[in-house]
Amino acid sequence: MFGLDKSCISLCRDLLDMSLFDKLIKNAHYSKKLNELKTQKERSEFCLKDNIDFAKEFMLIDNELNGLAHQVRIQANKILHIKNKNKNSREDSTLDIIKNTIKIIERLYSQY
């Protein structure tokens, strides 16, 4: 991580969001929800939490991956949005976030 743990965490969170969106946009129900929204602003307000919930609802991820995805989201938000003075716990969390992100993306793309 070369001391760039916040960058790694941010990248993991974005990769998770992009991967979920990539799979969700191919789902007719999700596309319909997007089309029902009137403005680009409304469309862009689907956040990572929403996309995780939609992925679970549309059965793109199971309960285990749903839990891991929310865990990545919550851990990342805690580290990125709050100044964490404890560097060791942040490094441990960063490694967990990276491992969980890889696990989710591998399983998400191995399905199809």
C-alpha atoms as a PDB file:
ATOM      1  CA  MET A   1       0.000   0.000   0.000  1.00  0.00           C
ATOM      2  CA  PHE A   2       3.108   2.212   0.297  1.00  0.00           C
ATOM      3  CA  GLY A   3       1.410   4.414   2.907  1.00  0.00           C
ATOM      4  CA  LEU A   4      -1.395   5.228   0.495  1.00  0.00           C
ATOM      5  CA  ASP A   5      -4.093   3.428   2.431  1.00  0.00           C
ATOM      6  CA  LYS A   6      -6.733   6.125   1.939  1.00  0.00           C
ATOM      7  CA  SER A   7      -6.127   6.028  -1.806  1.00  0.00           C
ATOM      8  CA  CYS A   8      -6.423   2.230  -1.792  1.00  0.00           C
ATOM      9  CA  ILE A   9      -9.650   2.414   0.190  1.00  0.00           C
ATOM     10  CA  SER A  10     -11.111   5.052  -2.104  1.00  0.00           C
ATOM     11  CA  LEU A  11     -10.189   2.986  -5.153  1.00  0.00           C
ATOM     12  CA  CYS A  12     -11.780  -0.145  -3.641  1.00  0.00           C
ATOM     13  CA  ARG A  13     -14.994   1.714  -2.892  1.00  0.00           C
ATOM     14  CA  ASP A  14     -15.114   3.099  -6.439  1.00  0.00           C
ATOM     15  CA  LEU A  15     -14.318  -0.300  -7.986  1.00  0.00           C
ATOM     16  CA  LEU A  16     -17.126  -1.862  -5.986  1.00  0.00           C
ATOM     17  CA  ASP A  17     -19.569   0.839  -7.081  1.00  0.00           C
ATOM     18  CA  MET A  18     -18.509   0.642 -10.737  1.00  0.00           C
ATOM     19  CA  SER A  19     -18.689  -3.171 -10.781  1.00  0.00           C
ATOM     20  CA  LEU A  20     -22.140  -3.238  -9.242  1.00  0.00           C
ATOM     21  CA  PHE A  21     -23.371  -0.564 -11.649  1.00  0.00           C
ATOM     22  CA  ASP A  22     -21.880  -2.469 -14.603  1.00  0.00           C
ATOM     23  CA  LYS A  23     -23.893  -5.542 -13.643  1.00  0.00           C
ATOM     24  CA  LEU A  24     -27.013  -3.624 -12.590  1.00  0.00           C
ATOM     25  CA  ILE A  25     -27.308  -1.558 -15.770  1.00  0.00           C
ATOM     26  CA  LYS A  26     -27.768  -4.820 -17.698  1.00  0.00           C
ATOM     27  CA  ASN A  27     -30.766  -5.671 -15.501  1.00  0.00           C
ATOM     28  CA  ALA A  28     -34.097  -4.593 -17.008  1.00  0.00           C
ATOM     29  CA  HIS A  29     -35.642  -3.739 -13.618  1.00  0.00           C
ATOM     30  CA  TYR A  30     -32.738  -1.461 -12.685  1.00  0.00           C
ATOM     31  CA  SER A  31     -32.739   0.191 -16.100  1.00  0.00           C
ATOM     32  CA  LYS A  32     -36.467   0.818 -15.727  1.00  0.00           C
ATOM     33  CA  LYS A  33     -35.870   2.474 -12.330  1.00  0.00           C
ATOM     34  CA  LEU A  34     -33.205   4.692 -13.908  1.00  0.00           C
ATOM     35  CA  ASN A  35     -35.480   5.619 -16.805  1.00  0.00           C
ATOM     36  CA  GLU A  36     -38.276   6.559 -14.411  1.00  0.00           C
ATOM     37  CA  LEU A  37     -36.063   9.196 -12.850  1.00  0.00           C
ATOM     38  CA  LYS A  38     -36.563  12.521 -14.560  1.00  0.00           C
ATOM     39  CA  THR A  39     -33.225  14.262 -14.326  1.00  0.00           C
ATOM     40  CA  GLN A  40     -29.552  13.363 -14.505  1.00  0.00           C
ATOM     41  CA  LYS A  41     -29.206  14.674 -10.945  1.00  0.00           C
ATOM     42  CA  GLU A  42     -31.784  12.177  -9.707  1.00  0.00           C
ATOM     43  CA  ARG A  43     -30.045   9.373 -11.598  1.00  0.00           C
ATOM     44  CA  SER A  44     -26.672  10.246 -10.109  1.00  0.00           C
ATOM     45  CA  GLU A  45     -28.104  10.191  -6.605  1.00  0.00           C
ATOM     46  CA  PHE A  46     -28.103   6.396  -6.571  1.00  0.00           C
ATOM     47  CA  CYS A  47     -25.242   5.862  -4.164  1.00  0.00           C
ATOM     48  CA  LEU A  48     -23.161   2.798  -3.372  1.00  0.00           C
ATOM     49  CA  LYS A  49     -25.595   1.791  -0.633  1.00  0.00           C
ATOM     50  CA  ASP A  50     -28.470   1.878  -3.132  1.00  0.00           C
ATOM     51  CA  ASN A  51     -26.525  -0.153  -5.681  1.00  0.00           C
ATOM     52  CA  ILE A  52     -25.624  -2.776  -3.076  1.00  0.00           C
ATOM     53  CA  ASP A  53     -29.282  -3.026  -2.072  1.00  0.00           C
ATOM     54  CA  PHE A  54     -30.412  -3.236  -5.715  1.00  0.00           C
ATOM     55  CA  ALA A  55     -27.808  -5.936  -6.442  1.00  0.00           C
ATOM     56  CA  LYS A  56     -29.206  -7.990  -3.557  1.00  0.00           C
ATOM     57  CA  GLU A  57     -32.811  -7.321  -4.606  1.00  0.00           C
ATOM     58  CA  PHE A  58     -32.097  -8.397  -8.197  1.00  0.00           C
ATOM     59  CA  MET A  59     -30.133 -11.438  -6.973  1.00  0.00           C
ATOM     60  CA  LEU A  60     -26.784 -10.392  -8.427  1.00  0.00           C
ATOM     61  CA  ILE A  61     -25.221 -10.941  -5.013  1.00  0.00           C
ATOM     62  CA  ASP A  62     -26.135 -13.268  -2.167  1.00  0.00           C
ATOM     63  CA  ASN A  63     -26.446 -12.514   1.544  1.00  0.00           C
ATOM     64  CA  GLU A  64     -22.729 -13.053   2.146  1.00  0.00           C
ATOM     65  CA  LEU A  65     -21.626 -10.643  -0.583  1.00  0.00           C
ATOM     66  CA  ASN A  66     -24.297  -8.162   0.452  1.00  0.00           C
ATOM     67  CA  GLY A  67     -22.849  -8.136   3.969  1.00  0.00           C
ATOM     68  CA  LEU A  68     -19.278  -7.823   2.683  1.00  0.00           C
ATOM     69  CA  ALA A  69     -20.220  -4.999   0.303  1.00  0.00           C
ATOM     70  CA  HIS A  70     -21.906  -3.024   3.079  1.00  0.00           C
ATOM     71  CA  GLN A  71     -18.918  -3.723   5.321  1.00  0.00           C
ATOM     72  CA  VAL A  72     -16.539  -2.309   2.681  1.00  0.00           C
ATOM     73  CA  ARG A  73     -18.785   0.740   2.273  1.00  0.00           C
ATOM     74  CA  ILE A  74     -19.062   1.419   6.006  1.00  0.00           C
ATOM     75  CA  GLN A  75     -15.373   0.811   6.779  1.00  0.00           C
ATOM     76  CA  ALA A  76     -14.315   2.988   3.856  1.00  0.00           C
ATOM     77  CA  ASN A  77     -16.606   5.818   4.913  1.00  0.00           C
ATOM     78  CA  LYS A  78     -15.307   5.700   8.482  1.00  0.00           C
ATOM     79  CA  ILE A  79     -11.699   5.902   7.348  1.00  0.00           C
ATOM     80  CA  LEU A  80     -12.121   8.383   4.514  1.00  0.00           C
ATOM     81  CA  HIS A  81     -14.464  10.791   6.258  1.00  0.00           C
ATOM     82  CA  ILE A  82     -13.032  10.827   9.753  1.00  0.00           C
ATOM     83  CA  LYS A  83      -9.471  11.565  10.730  1.00  0.00           C
ATOM     84  CA  ASN A  84      -8.201   8.329  12.159  1.00  0.00           C
ATOM     85  CA  LYS A  85      -5.129   8.778  14.298  1.00  0.00           C
ATOM     86  CA  ASN A  86      -4.549   5.046  14.760  1.00  0.00           C
ATOM     87  CA  LYS A  87      -2.510   4.147  11.671  1.00  0.00           C
ATOM     88  CA  ASN A  88      -2.162   0.435  12.578  1.00  0.00           C
ATOM     89  CA  SER A  89      -5.906  -0.181  12.763  1.00  0.00           C
ATOM     90  CA  ARG A  90      -6.339   1.773   9.525  1.00  0.00           C
ATOM     91  CA  GLU A  91      -3.776  -0.447   7.784  1.00  0.00           C
ATOM     92  CA  ASP A  92      -5.531  -3.583   9.047  1.00  0.00           C
ATOM     93  CA  SER A  93      -8.863  -2.226   7.836  1.00  0.00           C
ATOM     94  CA  THR A  94      -7.353  -1.315   4.482  1.00  0.00           C
ATOM     95  CA  LEU A  95      -6.187  -4.877   3.931  1.00  0.00           C
ATOM     96  CA  ASP A  96      -9.639  -6.206   4.874  1.00  0.00           C
ATOM     97  CA  ILE A  97     -11.295  -3.750   2.487  1.00  0.00           C
ATOM     98  CA  ILE A  98      -8.980  -4.776  -0.356  1.00  0.00           C
ATOM     99  CA  LYS A  99      -9.543  -8.514   0.264  1.00  0.00           C
ATOM    100  CA  ASN A 100     -13.330  -8.119   0.524  1.00  0.00           C
ATOM    101  CA  THR A 101     -13.490  -5.957  -2.595  1.00  0.00           C
ATOM    102  CA  ILE A 102     -11.539  -8.542  -4.577  1.00  0.00           C
ATOM    103  CA  LYS A 103     -13.788 -11.332  -3.295  1.00  0.00           C
ATOM    104  CA  ILE A 104     -16.962  -9.463  -4.256  1.00  0.00           C
ATOM    105  CA  ILE A 105     -15.746  -8.483  -7.725  1.00  0.00           C
ATOM    106  CA  GLU A 106     -14.392 -11.968  -8.484  1.00  0.00           C
ATOM    107  CA  ARG A 107     -17.679 -13.592  -7.550  1.00  0.00           C
ATOM    108  CA  LEU A 108     -19.746 -10.922  -9.283  1.00  0.00           C
ATOM    109  CA  TYR A 109     -17.941 -11.440 -12.584  1.00  0.00           C
ATOM    110  CA  SER A 110     -17.546 -15.212 -12.324  1.00  0.00           C
ATOM    111  CA  GLN A 111     -21.334 -15.589 -12.428  1.00  0.00           C
ATOM    112  CA  TYR A 112     -21.634 -14.598 -16.087  1.00  0.00           C
END
